[in-house]
């Protein structure tokens, strides 16, 4: 399927009239999804109300048209539940998906990284601003390290990280590393593309809710 055709399918699953930024993002996502290279990262940034949720739902609904599969993840149980509700597809916490508990010789247990058995799968991680570049449960590295290692140990898998740069970064950090494209490129050496949605469409410009949120 050509990228233009898949873009049209994404638009059909989009319940509202798209903004110019959303149209550009849908086109870039089509290139990303249909590109032959695996082991790629796409970062979607945007404030609350810019349409990130709708983009994800459209993507999840459209991927079966190209035999694509999705795995939905979030840093917390609450965020995973919200993601499940608006996509109507099961989402999991990152920890539950990528780690397993292993007994130790001392009678305790330790967490180890799962093997990724997925094929041809797009991993979509919401609320990625909360993902830290420290404090992973495995001995290998940080949560972000472990997530990326897990995803790209699968066969022909790709990763989409979604978040709001206005939210507070992980404790002790000045930035959210999972949304920092330069950090991702320098740290993991995978191709990284990104797009930032800027037009808020959830509320009118004189809305008090919008003023407080941005």
N, C-alpha and C. Protein backbone atom coordinates (compact mmCIF):
# COMPACT_ATOMS: atom_id res chain seq x y z
N UNK A 1 0.84 -1.20 0.00
CA UNK A 1 0.00 0.00 0.00
C UNK A 1 0.88 1.25 0.00
N UNK A 2 0.48 2.24 -0.77
CA UNK A 2 1.22 3.50 -0.81
C UNK A 2 0.89 4.34 0.42
N UNK A 3 1.82 5.23 0.76
CA UNK A 3 1.62 6.05 1.96
C UNK A 3 0.40 6.95 1.81
N UNK A 4 0.11 7.41 0.59
CA UNK A 4 -1.06 8.27 0.38
C UNK A 4 -2.35 7.51 0.69
N UNK A 5 -2.37 6.23 0.34
CA UNK A 5 -3.56 5.42 0.61
C UNK A 5 -3.75 5.23 2.11
N UNK A 6 -2.65 4.96 2.80
CA UNK A 6 -2.77 4.76 4.24
C UNK A 6 -3.14 6.06 4.94
N UNK A 7 -2.64 7.19 4.44
CA UNK A 7 -3.03 8.49 5.00
C UNK A 7 -4.54 8.69 4.87
N UNK A 8 -5.10 8.26 3.75
CA UNK A 8 -6.54 8.38 3.54
C UNK A 8 -7.31 7.52 4.53
N UNK A 9 -6.78 6.34 4.82
CA UNK A 9 -7.43 5.46 5.80
C UNK A 9 -7.38 6.09 7.19
N UNK A 10 -6.24 6.67 7.55
CA UNK A 10 -6.13 7.36 8.83
C UNK A 10 -7.15 8.48 8.93
N UNK A 11 -7.32 9.23 7.85
CA UNK A 11 -8.28 10.34 7.85
C UNK A 11 -9.71 9.84 8.00
N UNK A 12 -10.02 8.68 7.41
CA UNK A 12 -11.37 8.13 7.52
C UNK A 12 -11.72 7.78 8.96
N UNK A 13 -10.71 7.42 9.74
CA UNK A 13 -10.94 7.09 11.14
C UNK A 13 -10.80 8.30 12.06
N UNK A 14 -10.57 9.45 11.48
CA UNK A 14 -10.43 10.67 12.27
C UNK A 14 -11.81 11.31 12.39
N UNK A 15 -12.35 11.44 13.61
CA UNK A 15 -13.75 11.86 13.77
C UNK A 15 -14.01 13.34 13.57
N UNK A 16 -12.95 14.15 13.51
CA UNK A 16 -13.13 15.59 13.38
C UNK A 16 -12.37 16.10 12.16
N UNK A 17 -12.64 17.33 11.81
CA UNK A 17 -11.86 17.96 10.75
C UNK A 17 -10.44 18.18 11.28
N UNK A 18 -9.47 17.76 10.51
CA UNK A 18 -8.09 17.84 10.96
C UNK A 18 -7.53 19.25 10.83
N UNK A 19 -6.63 19.60 11.74
CA UNK A 19 -5.87 20.84 11.60
C UNK A 19 -4.74 20.59 10.60
N UNK A 20 -4.10 21.65 10.18
CA UNK A 20 -2.98 21.50 9.24
C UNK A 20 -1.86 20.67 9.87
N UNK A 21 -1.61 20.89 11.15
CA UNK A 21 -0.58 20.12 11.84
C UNK A 21 -0.92 18.64 11.92
N UNK A 22 -2.18 18.33 12.20
CA UNK A 22 -2.60 16.94 12.27
C UNK A 22 -2.47 16.26 10.92
N UNK A 23 -2.77 16.97 9.85
CA UNK A 23 -2.63 16.40 8.51
C UNK A 23 -1.17 16.07 8.21
N UNK A 24 -0.28 16.97 8.58
CA UNK A 24 1.15 16.72 8.36
C UNK A 24 1.60 15.51 9.17
N UNK A 25 1.15 15.43 10.43
CA UNK A 25 1.53 14.31 11.29
C UNK A 25 1.02 12.99 10.72
N UNK A 26 -0.22 12.95 10.25
CA UNK A 26 -0.76 11.72 9.68
C UNK A 26 0.06 11.27 8.47
N UNK A 27 0.49 12.23 7.67
CA UNK A 27 1.33 11.90 6.51
C UNK A 27 2.68 11.34 6.95
N UNK A 28 3.29 11.97 7.96
CA UNK A 28 4.59 11.50 8.46
C UNK A 28 4.45 10.11 9.10
N UNK A 29 3.35 9.89 9.81
CA UNK A 29 3.13 8.58 10.41
C UNK A 29 2.95 7.50 9.35
N UNK A 30 2.31 7.86 8.24
CA UNK A 30 2.15 6.90 7.15
C UNK A 30 3.51 6.47 6.60
N UNK A 31 4.39 7.45 6.42
CA UNK A 31 5.75 7.12 5.96
C UNK A 31 6.46 6.24 6.98
N UNK A 32 6.29 6.57 8.25
CA UNK A 32 6.95 5.81 9.33
C UNK A 32 6.43 4.37 9.38
N UNK A 33 5.12 4.21 9.33
CA UNK A 33 4.51 2.88 9.45
C UNK A 33 4.89 2.00 8.26
N UNK A 34 4.82 2.56 7.06
CA UNK A 34 5.03 1.76 5.86
C UNK A 34 6.49 1.67 5.43
N UNK A 35 7.36 2.43 6.08
CA UNK A 35 8.78 2.35 5.75
C UNK A 35 9.33 0.96 6.00
N UNK A 36 10.24 0.54 5.16
CA UNK A 36 10.75 -0.84 5.25
C UNK A 36 11.71 -1.04 6.41
N UNK A 37 12.31 0.01 6.88
CA UNK A 37 13.29 -0.13 7.96
C UNK A 37 12.59 -0.30 9.31
N UNK A 38 13.01 -1.29 10.07
CA UNK A 38 12.52 -1.45 11.44
C UNK A 38 13.45 -0.68 12.37
N UNK A 39 13.31 -0.90 13.66
CA UNK A 39 14.16 -0.25 14.67
C UNK A 39 14.17 1.26 14.48
N UNK A 40 12.98 1.85 14.39
CA UNK A 40 12.84 3.29 14.26
C UNK A 40 11.98 3.82 15.40
N UNK A 41 12.22 5.07 15.75
CA UNK A 41 11.47 5.74 16.81
C UNK A 41 10.79 6.98 16.24
N UNK A 42 9.53 7.18 16.62
CA UNK A 42 8.81 8.40 16.25
C UNK A 42 8.29 9.04 17.53
N UNK A 43 8.57 10.31 17.71
CA UNK A 43 8.15 11.04 18.90
C UNK A 43 7.04 12.02 18.52
N UNK A 44 5.92 11.93 19.22
CA UNK A 44 4.81 12.87 19.03
C UNK A 44 4.68 13.71 20.29
N UNK A 45 4.85 15.01 20.12
CA UNK A 45 4.74 15.93 21.26
C UNK A 45 3.56 16.87 21.03
N UNK A 46 2.97 17.35 22.13
CA UNK A 46 1.88 18.30 22.00
C UNK A 46 1.22 18.55 23.34
N UNK A 47 0.75 19.77 23.52
CA UNK A 47 0.04 20.12 24.74
C UNK A 47 -1.31 19.40 24.79
N UNK A 48 -1.95 19.44 25.95
CA UNK A 48 -3.30 18.89 26.09
C UNK A 48 -4.24 19.58 25.11
N UNK A 49 -5.06 18.79 24.42
CA UNK A 49 -6.03 19.36 23.50
C UNK A 49 -5.56 19.53 22.08
N UNK A 50 -4.34 19.10 21.77
CA UNK A 50 -3.85 19.25 20.40
C UNK A 50 -4.20 18.06 19.51
N UNK A 51 -4.78 17.02 20.08
CA UNK A 51 -5.26 15.90 19.26
C UNK A 51 -4.42 14.64 19.33
N UNK A 52 -3.54 14.54 20.30
CA UNK A 52 -2.70 13.33 20.41
C UNK A 52 -3.56 12.08 20.60
N UNK A 53 -4.57 12.19 21.45
CA UNK A 53 -5.44 11.06 21.73
C UNK A 53 -6.14 10.58 20.47
N UNK A 54 -6.67 11.52 19.70
CA UNK A 54 -7.40 11.17 18.48
C UNK A 54 -6.47 10.56 17.44
N UNK A 55 -5.25 11.06 17.36
CA UNK A 55 -4.26 10.50 16.45
C UNK A 55 -4.00 9.03 16.79
N UNK A 56 -3.81 8.74 18.07
CA UNK A 56 -3.53 7.36 18.49
C UNK A 56 -4.71 6.45 18.17
N UNK A 57 -5.92 6.90 18.48
CA UNK A 57 -7.10 6.08 18.20
C UNK A 57 -7.23 5.80 16.70
N UNK A 58 -7.02 6.81 15.88
CA UNK A 58 -7.07 6.64 14.43
C UNK A 58 -6.02 5.65 13.96
N UNK A 59 -4.83 5.73 14.53
CA UNK A 59 -3.75 4.83 14.14
C UNK A 59 -4.07 3.39 14.50
N UNK A 60 -4.57 3.17 15.71
CA UNK A 60 -4.91 1.82 16.16
C UNK A 60 -6.01 1.22 15.28
N UNK A 61 -6.98 2.03 14.89
CA UNK A 61 -8.08 1.55 14.06
C UNK A 61 -7.66 1.30 12.62
N UNK A 62 -6.62 2.00 12.17
CA UNK A 62 -6.22 1.92 10.76
C UNK A 62 -5.19 0.84 10.46
N UNK A 63 -4.37 0.49 11.43
CA UNK A 63 -3.25 -0.43 11.17
C UNK A 63 -3.67 -1.81 10.65
N UNK A 64 -4.83 -2.36 11.06
CA UNK A 64 -5.21 -3.65 10.48
C UNK A 64 -5.32 -3.63 8.96
N UNK A 65 -5.55 -2.47 8.37
CA UNK A 65 -5.66 -2.37 6.91
C UNK A 65 -4.36 -2.72 6.21
N UNK A 66 -3.24 -2.61 6.94
CA UNK A 66 -1.93 -2.98 6.36
C UNK A 66 -1.32 -4.14 7.15
N UNK A 67 -2.20 -4.92 7.79
CA UNK A 67 -1.78 -6.07 8.59
C UNK A 67 -0.82 -5.67 9.71
N UNK A 68 -0.97 -4.45 10.17
CA UNK A 68 -0.14 -3.96 11.25
C UNK A 68 -0.73 -4.29 12.61
N UNK A 69 0.13 -4.51 13.59
CA UNK A 69 -0.30 -4.80 14.95
C UNK A 69 0.23 -3.73 15.89
N UNK A 70 -0.49 -3.53 16.97
CA UNK A 70 -0.08 -2.53 17.95
C UNK A 70 0.03 -3.16 19.33
N UNK A 71 0.92 -2.61 20.13
CA UNK A 71 1.02 -2.93 21.55
C UNK A 71 1.02 -1.60 22.29
N UNK A 72 0.02 -1.40 23.15
CA UNK A 72 -0.18 -0.11 23.81
C UNK A 72 0.37 -0.15 25.23
N UNK A 73 1.20 0.84 25.55
CA UNK A 73 1.86 0.88 26.85
C UNK A 73 1.77 2.27 27.46
N UNK A 74 1.90 2.32 28.79
CA UNK A 74 1.94 3.59 29.51
C UNK A 74 2.74 3.38 30.80
N UNK A 75 3.28 4.45 31.37
CA UNK A 75 4.13 4.29 32.57
C UNK A 75 3.38 3.86 33.82
N UNK A 76 2.10 4.21 33.94
CA UNK A 76 1.34 3.92 35.16
C UNK A 76 0.06 3.17 34.83
N UNK A 77 -0.50 2.52 35.85
CA UNK A 77 -1.75 1.81 35.66
C UNK A 77 -2.88 2.73 35.26
N UNK A 78 -2.93 3.91 35.85
CA UNK A 78 -3.98 4.86 35.51
C UNK A 78 -3.87 5.30 34.06
N UNK A 79 -2.65 5.61 33.61
CA UNK A 79 -2.45 6.05 32.23
C UNK A 79 -2.78 4.92 31.25
N UNK A 80 -2.46 3.68 31.63
CA UNK A 80 -2.78 2.54 30.78
C UNK A 80 -4.29 2.36 30.66
N UNK A 81 -5.01 2.58 31.75
CA UNK A 81 -6.47 2.46 31.72
C UNK A 81 -7.09 3.52 30.83
N UNK A 82 -6.59 4.75 30.92
CA UNK A 82 -7.09 5.82 30.06
C UNK A 82 -6.82 5.49 28.59
N UNK A 83 -5.63 4.99 28.31
CA UNK A 83 -5.26 4.62 26.94
C UNK A 83 -6.18 3.51 26.42
N UNK A 84 -6.48 2.53 27.27
CA UNK A 84 -7.40 1.45 26.88
C UNK A 84 -8.79 1.99 26.58
N UNK A 85 -9.24 2.92 27.40
CA UNK A 85 -10.60 3.45 27.24
C UNK A 85 -10.78 4.17 25.92
N UNK A 86 -9.81 4.99 25.52
CA UNK A 86 -10.05 5.76 24.30
C UNK A 86 -9.63 5.04 23.02
N UNK A 87 -8.89 3.95 23.14
CA UNK A 87 -8.57 3.16 21.94
C UNK A 87 -9.44 1.91 21.82
N UNK A 88 -10.13 1.55 22.93
CA UNK A 88 -10.90 0.31 22.98
C UNK A 88 -10.01 -0.91 22.72
N UNK A 89 -8.78 -0.83 23.18
CA UNK A 89 -7.81 -1.93 23.04
C UNK A 89 -7.02 -2.02 24.34
N UNK A 90 -6.71 -3.23 24.76
CA UNK A 90 -6.00 -3.43 26.02
C UNK A 90 -4.63 -2.75 26.00
N UNK A 91 -4.37 -1.99 27.05
CA UNK A 91 -3.05 -1.36 27.24
C UNK A 91 -2.46 -1.88 28.55
N UNK A 92 -1.15 -1.87 28.64
CA UNK A 92 -0.45 -2.40 29.80
C UNK A 92 0.55 -1.36 30.32
N UNK A 93 0.91 -1.50 31.58
CA UNK A 93 2.02 -0.68 32.07
C UNK A 93 3.31 -1.19 31.43
N UNK A 94 4.26 -0.29 31.29
CA UNK A 94 5.55 -0.68 30.71
C UNK A 94 6.17 -1.80 31.54
N UNK A 95 6.11 -1.65 32.87
CA UNK A 95 6.75 -2.64 33.75
C UNK A 95 6.13 -4.03 33.57
N UNK A 96 4.81 -4.09 33.47
CA UNK A 96 4.16 -5.39 33.33
C UNK A 96 4.52 -6.05 32.00
N UNK A 97 4.69 -5.23 30.98
CA UNK A 97 4.95 -5.77 29.64
C UNK A 97 6.39 -6.25 29.48
N UNK A 98 7.34 -5.50 29.98
CA UNK A 98 8.73 -5.78 29.58
C UNK A 98 9.54 -6.55 30.63
N UNK A 99 9.02 -6.67 31.86
CA UNK A 99 9.79 -7.36 32.91
C UNK A 99 9.11 -8.66 33.34
N UNK A 100 9.90 -9.59 33.83
CA UNK A 100 9.35 -10.74 34.53
C UNK A 100 10.15 -10.96 35.82
N UNK A 101 9.48 -11.58 36.79
CA UNK A 101 10.09 -11.80 38.11
C UNK A 101 10.77 -13.16 38.13
N UNK A 102 12.02 -13.16 38.57
CA UNK A 102 12.80 -14.40 38.62
C UNK A 102 13.33 -14.62 40.03
N UNK A 103 13.17 -15.83 40.53
CA UNK A 103 13.68 -16.16 41.86
C UNK A 103 15.21 -16.17 41.86
N UNK A 104 15.78 -15.73 42.98
CA UNK A 104 17.23 -15.71 43.11
C UNK A 104 17.69 -16.85 44.02
N UNK A 105 18.98 -17.12 44.02
CA UNK A 105 19.53 -18.19 44.86
C UNK A 105 19.42 -17.86 46.34
N UNK A 106 19.28 -16.57 46.65
CA UNK A 106 19.19 -16.16 48.05
C UNK A 106 17.77 -16.26 48.60
N UNK A 107 16.84 -16.74 47.79
CA UNK A 107 15.46 -16.87 48.24
C UNK A 107 14.59 -15.67 47.94
N UNK A 108 15.15 -14.65 47.35
CA UNK A 108 14.36 -13.49 46.96
C UNK A 108 13.99 -13.55 45.49
N UNK A 109 13.83 -12.39 44.90
CA UNK A 109 13.53 -12.36 43.47
C UNK A 109 14.14 -11.10 42.86
N UNK A 110 14.28 -11.14 41.57
CA UNK A 110 14.79 -9.99 40.81
C UNK A 110 14.01 -9.89 39.52
N UNK A 111 13.95 -8.69 38.97
CA UNK A 111 13.26 -8.49 37.71
C UNK A 111 14.25 -8.58 36.55
N UNK A 112 13.83 -9.25 35.51
CA UNK A 112 14.63 -9.34 34.30
C UNK A 112 13.80 -8.93 33.10
N UNK A 113 14.50 -8.54 32.05
CA UNK A 113 13.83 -8.09 30.84
C UNK A 113 13.24 -9.29 30.09
N UNK A 114 11.97 -9.15 29.72
CA UNK A 114 11.32 -10.19 28.93
C UNK A 114 11.92 -10.25 27.53
N UNK A 115 11.74 -11.37 26.87
CA UNK A 115 12.04 -11.47 25.45
C UNK A 115 10.85 -10.96 24.66
N UNK A 116 11.08 -10.11 23.69
CA UNK A 116 10.01 -9.58 22.86
C UNK A 116 9.68 -10.59 21.77
N UNK A 117 8.52 -11.21 21.86
CA UNK A 117 8.11 -12.22 20.89
C UNK A 117 7.21 -11.66 19.81
N UNK A 118 7.03 -10.35 19.79
CA UNK A 118 6.16 -9.72 18.80
C UNK A 118 6.84 -9.63 17.44
N UNK A 119 6.02 -9.72 16.40
CA UNK A 119 6.48 -9.52 15.03
C UNK A 119 5.68 -8.40 14.38
N UNK A 120 6.35 -7.58 13.58
CA UNK A 120 5.66 -6.55 12.79
C UNK A 120 4.70 -5.73 13.65
N UNK A 121 5.20 -5.23 14.75
CA UNK A 121 4.35 -4.56 15.74
C UNK A 121 4.82 -3.13 15.99
N UNK A 122 3.84 -2.22 16.08
CA UNK A 122 4.11 -0.84 16.46
C UNK A 122 3.82 -0.71 17.95
N UNK A 123 4.83 -0.41 18.74
CA UNK A 123 4.65 -0.17 20.17
C UNK A 123 4.35 1.32 20.36
N UNK A 124 3.20 1.60 20.96
CA UNK A 124 2.76 2.98 21.18
C UNK A 124 2.76 3.24 22.68
N UNK A 125 3.57 4.19 23.11
CA UNK A 125 3.72 4.49 24.54
C UNK A 125 3.19 5.88 24.82
N UNK A 126 2.10 5.96 25.57
CA UNK A 126 1.50 7.25 25.93
C UNK A 126 2.12 7.76 27.24
N UNK A 127 1.96 9.06 27.48
CA UNK A 127 2.50 9.70 28.68
C UNK A 127 4.00 9.43 28.83
N UNK A 128 4.71 9.49 27.70
CA UNK A 128 6.14 9.15 27.70
C UNK A 128 6.99 10.16 28.46
N UNK A 129 6.44 11.34 28.75
CA UNK A 129 7.21 12.33 29.52
C UNK A 129 7.57 11.81 30.90
N UNK A 130 6.84 10.79 31.39
CA UNK A 130 7.08 10.25 32.71
C UNK A 130 8.19 9.20 32.74
N UNK A 131 8.68 8.79 31.58
CA UNK A 131 9.68 7.72 31.53
C UNK A 131 11.05 8.27 31.87
N UNK A 132 11.69 7.66 32.83
CA UNK A 132 12.98 8.15 33.31
C UNK A 132 14.14 7.48 32.59
N UNK A 133 15.25 8.19 32.55
CA UNK A 133 16.49 7.61 32.02
C UNK A 133 17.33 7.03 33.16
N UNK A 134 16.68 6.71 34.27
CA UNK A 134 17.32 6.03 35.39
C UNK A 134 16.26 5.15 36.05
N UNK A 135 16.70 4.28 36.92
CA UNK A 135 15.75 3.53 37.74
C UNK A 135 15.01 2.40 37.06
N UNK A 136 15.63 1.72 36.10
CA UNK A 136 15.01 0.53 35.54
C UNK A 136 15.05 -0.63 36.53
N UNK A 137 14.19 -1.61 36.34
CA UNK A 137 14.13 -2.75 37.26
C UNK A 137 15.16 -3.82 36.93
N UNK A 138 15.64 -3.85 35.70
CA UNK A 138 16.66 -4.84 35.37
C UNK A 138 18.03 -4.28 35.72
N UNK A 139 19.02 -5.14 35.67
CA UNK A 139 20.38 -4.69 35.98
C UNK A 139 21.03 -4.00 34.79
N UNK A 140 20.35 -4.02 33.64
CA UNK A 140 20.96 -3.51 32.41
C UNK A 140 21.01 -1.99 32.36
N UNK A 141 19.98 -1.32 32.88
CA UNK A 141 19.99 0.13 32.76
C UNK A 141 18.69 0.75 33.21
N UNK A 142 18.38 1.90 32.64
CA UNK A 142 17.21 2.68 33.03
C UNK A 142 15.94 2.10 32.44
N UNK A 143 14.80 2.64 32.86
CA UNK A 143 13.52 2.21 32.29
C UNK A 143 13.48 2.50 30.80
N UNK A 144 13.98 3.66 30.39
CA UNK A 144 14.01 3.99 28.97
C UNK A 144 14.93 3.04 28.21
N UNK A 145 16.10 2.75 28.79
CA UNK A 145 17.01 1.76 28.18
C UNK A 145 16.31 0.42 27.98
N UNK A 146 15.64 -0.03 29.05
CA UNK A 146 15.01 -1.34 29.01
C UNK A 146 13.86 -1.38 28.01
N UNK A 147 13.07 -0.31 27.96
CA UNK A 147 11.96 -0.24 27.01
C UNK A 147 12.47 -0.35 25.58
N UNK A 148 13.47 0.43 25.25
CA UNK A 148 14.00 0.43 23.88
C UNK A 148 14.66 -0.90 23.55
N UNK A 149 15.39 -1.47 24.51
CA UNK A 149 16.00 -2.79 24.29
C UNK A 149 14.93 -3.84 24.03
N UNK A 150 13.86 -3.80 24.82
CA UNK A 150 12.79 -4.78 24.66
C UNK A 150 12.14 -4.66 23.29
N UNK A 151 11.73 -3.45 22.93
CA UNK A 151 11.02 -3.24 21.66
C UNK A 151 11.84 -3.74 20.48
N UNK A 152 13.10 -3.35 20.43
CA UNK A 152 13.90 -3.64 19.25
C UNK A 152 14.56 -5.01 19.28
N UNK A 153 14.28 -5.79 20.33
CA UNK A 153 14.64 -7.20 20.31
C UNK A 153 13.59 -8.04 19.60
N UNK A 154 12.46 -7.41 19.25
CA UNK A 154 11.43 -8.10 18.48
C UNK A 154 11.77 -8.09 17.00
N UNK A 155 10.92 -8.73 16.22
CA UNK A 155 11.13 -8.83 14.78
C UNK A 155 10.34 -7.74 14.05
N UNK A 156 11.05 -6.82 13.42
CA UNK A 156 10.44 -5.75 12.65
C UNK A 156 9.47 -4.92 13.50
N UNK A 157 9.95 -4.44 14.62
CA UNK A 157 9.14 -3.62 15.52
C UNK A 157 9.58 -2.17 15.49
N UNK A 158 8.64 -1.28 15.75
CA UNK A 158 8.92 0.15 15.78
C UNK A 158 8.30 0.74 17.05
N UNK A 159 8.73 1.94 17.40
CA UNK A 159 8.33 2.55 18.67
C UNK A 159 7.83 3.97 18.45
N UNK A 160 6.63 4.27 18.97
CA UNK A 160 6.09 5.62 18.96
C UNK A 160 5.97 6.09 20.41
N UNK A 161 6.61 7.20 20.73
CA UNK A 161 6.57 7.80 22.07
C UNK A 161 5.73 9.06 22.01
N UNK A 162 4.76 9.18 22.90
CA UNK A 162 3.80 10.29 22.86
C UNK A 162 3.78 10.99 24.21
N UNK A 163 3.81 12.31 24.20
CA UNK A 163 3.77 13.01 25.47
C UNK A 163 3.63 14.51 25.34
N UNK A 164 3.49 15.14 26.49
CA UNK A 164 3.28 16.57 26.61
C UNK A 164 4.49 17.17 27.31
N UNK A 165 5.22 18.02 26.60
CA UNK A 165 6.42 18.61 27.18
C UNK A 165 6.10 19.62 28.27
N UNK A 166 4.82 20.00 28.41
CA UNK A 166 4.44 20.91 29.48
C UNK A 166 4.33 20.20 30.82
N UNK A 167 4.25 18.88 30.79
CA UNK A 167 4.20 18.12 32.03
C UNK A 167 5.58 18.06 32.67
N UNK A 168 5.59 17.87 33.97
CA UNK A 168 6.86 17.81 34.69
C UNK A 168 7.65 16.59 34.24
N UNK A 169 8.96 16.74 34.06
CA UNK A 169 9.80 15.59 33.70
C UNK A 169 9.97 14.67 34.90
N UNK A 170 10.55 13.49 34.71
CA UNK A 170 10.80 12.59 35.84
C UNK A 170 11.60 13.29 36.94
N UNK A 171 11.42 12.84 38.16
CA UNK A 171 12.07 13.46 39.32
C UNK A 171 13.58 13.49 39.12
N UNK A 172 14.16 14.66 39.39
CA UNK A 172 15.60 14.82 39.31
C UNK A 172 16.12 15.17 37.93
N UNK A 173 15.22 15.31 36.95
CA UNK A 173 15.64 15.63 35.59
C UNK A 173 15.06 16.97 35.16
N UNK A 174 15.77 17.67 34.29
CA UNK A 174 15.30 18.95 33.77
C UNK A 174 14.45 18.78 32.51
N UNK A 175 14.62 17.65 31.84
CA UNK A 175 13.87 17.37 30.62
C UNK A 175 13.30 15.97 30.69
N UNK A 176 12.36 15.69 29.80
CA UNK A 176 11.83 14.34 29.67
C UNK A 176 12.64 13.62 28.59
N UNK A 177 13.52 12.71 28.96
CA UNK A 177 14.44 12.12 27.99
C UNK A 177 13.74 11.38 26.86
N UNK A 178 12.58 10.78 27.14
CA UNK A 178 11.88 10.01 26.11
C UNK A 178 11.26 10.90 25.04
N UNK A 179 11.17 12.21 25.31
CA UNK A 179 10.64 13.15 24.32
C UNK A 179 11.72 14.03 23.72
N UNK A 180 12.95 13.84 24.15
CA UNK A 180 14.08 14.65 23.68
C UNK A 180 14.75 13.92 22.52
N UNK A 181 14.46 14.36 21.30
CA UNK A 181 14.95 13.64 20.12
C UNK A 181 16.46 13.61 20.04
N UNK A 182 17.12 14.69 20.44
CA UNK A 182 18.58 14.71 20.39
C UNK A 182 19.18 13.72 21.38
N UNK A 183 18.57 13.63 22.56
CA UNK A 183 19.02 12.64 23.55
C UNK A 183 18.84 11.22 23.02
N UNK A 184 17.69 10.96 22.40
CA UNK A 184 17.42 9.62 21.88
C UNK A 184 18.42 9.24 20.79
N UNK A 185 18.69 10.18 19.89
CA UNK A 185 19.64 9.89 18.81
C UNK A 185 21.03 9.62 19.35
N UNK A 186 21.45 10.44 20.32
CA UNK A 186 22.81 10.31 20.85
C UNK A 186 22.97 9.07 21.72
N UNK A 187 21.89 8.66 22.37
CA UNK A 187 21.98 7.56 23.33
C UNK A 187 21.76 6.18 22.71
N UNK A 188 20.93 6.12 21.66
CA UNK A 188 20.52 4.80 21.17
C UNK A 188 20.85 4.54 19.71
N UNK A 189 21.23 5.54 18.98
CA UNK A 189 21.71 5.37 17.60
C UNK A 189 20.67 4.79 16.65
N UNK A 190 19.39 4.92 16.99
CA UNK A 190 18.34 4.52 16.07
C UNK A 190 17.82 5.76 15.35
N UNK A 191 17.29 5.60 14.14
CA UNK A 191 16.66 6.74 13.47
C UNK A 191 15.49 7.27 14.29
N UNK A 192 15.44 8.58 14.48
CA UNK A 192 14.38 9.20 15.28
C UNK A 192 13.73 10.31 14.46
N UNK A 193 12.42 10.23 14.29
CA UNK A 193 11.66 11.31 13.66
C UNK A 193 10.71 11.86 14.71
N UNK A 194 10.21 13.06 14.50
CA UNK A 194 9.29 13.63 15.48
C UNK A 194 8.38 14.65 14.82
N UNK A 195 7.29 14.93 15.52
CA UNK A 195 6.41 16.03 15.12
C UNK A 195 5.76 16.57 16.38
N UNK A 196 5.60 17.89 16.42
CA UNK A 196 4.97 18.54 17.57
C UNK A 196 3.68 19.20 17.13
N UNK A 197 2.57 18.79 17.74
CA UNK A 197 1.28 19.42 17.51
C UNK A 197 1.20 20.68 18.35
N UNK A 198 0.79 21.77 17.75
CA UNK A 198 0.79 23.05 18.46
C UNK A 198 -0.57 23.71 18.55
N UNK A 199 -1.50 23.33 17.70
CA UNK A 199 -2.81 24.00 17.68
C UNK A 199 -3.78 23.29 18.62
N UNK A 200 -4.18 23.97 19.67
CA UNK A 200 -5.13 23.41 20.64
C UNK A 200 -6.53 23.53 20.08
N UNK A 201 -7.23 22.41 20.01
CA UNK A 201 -8.56 22.41 19.42
C UNK A 201 -9.64 21.94 20.39
N UNK A 202 -9.24 21.56 21.60
CA UNK A 202 -10.22 21.03 22.55
C UNK A 202 -11.12 22.13 23.10
N UNK A 203 -10.56 23.31 23.31
CA UNK A 203 -11.31 24.41 23.88
C UNK A 203 -11.13 25.66 23.03
N UNK A 204 -12.03 26.60 23.19
CA UNK A 204 -11.88 27.86 22.50
C UNK A 204 -10.79 28.68 23.16
N UNK A 205 -10.30 29.69 22.47
CA UNK A 205 -9.15 30.43 22.95
C UNK A 205 -9.42 31.18 24.25
N UNK A 206 -10.70 31.55 24.50
CA UNK A 206 -10.99 32.28 25.72
C UNK A 206 -11.49 31.37 26.83
N UNK A 207 -11.26 30.06 26.69
CA UNK A 207 -11.70 29.12 27.70
C UNK A 207 -10.80 29.21 28.93
N UNK A 208 -11.41 29.26 30.10
CA UNK A 208 -10.62 29.26 31.32
C UNK A 208 -9.86 27.97 31.50
N UNK A 209 -10.45 26.86 31.07
CA UNK A 209 -9.78 25.57 31.19
C UNK A 209 -8.52 25.57 30.35
N UNK A 210 -8.63 26.07 29.13
CA UNK A 210 -7.46 26.12 28.27
C UNK A 210 -6.38 27.00 28.86
N UNK A 211 -6.77 28.16 29.41
CA UNK A 211 -5.80 29.07 29.99
C UNK A 211 -5.03 28.40 31.12
N UNK A 212 -5.76 27.65 31.95
CA UNK A 212 -5.10 26.98 33.07
C UNK A 212 -4.22 25.83 32.61
N UNK A 213 -4.60 25.17 31.51
CA UNK A 213 -3.88 23.99 31.06
C UNK A 213 -2.61 24.34 30.30
N UNK A 214 -2.53 25.51 29.74
CA UNK A 214 -1.37 25.84 28.92
C UNK A 214 -0.61 27.01 29.49
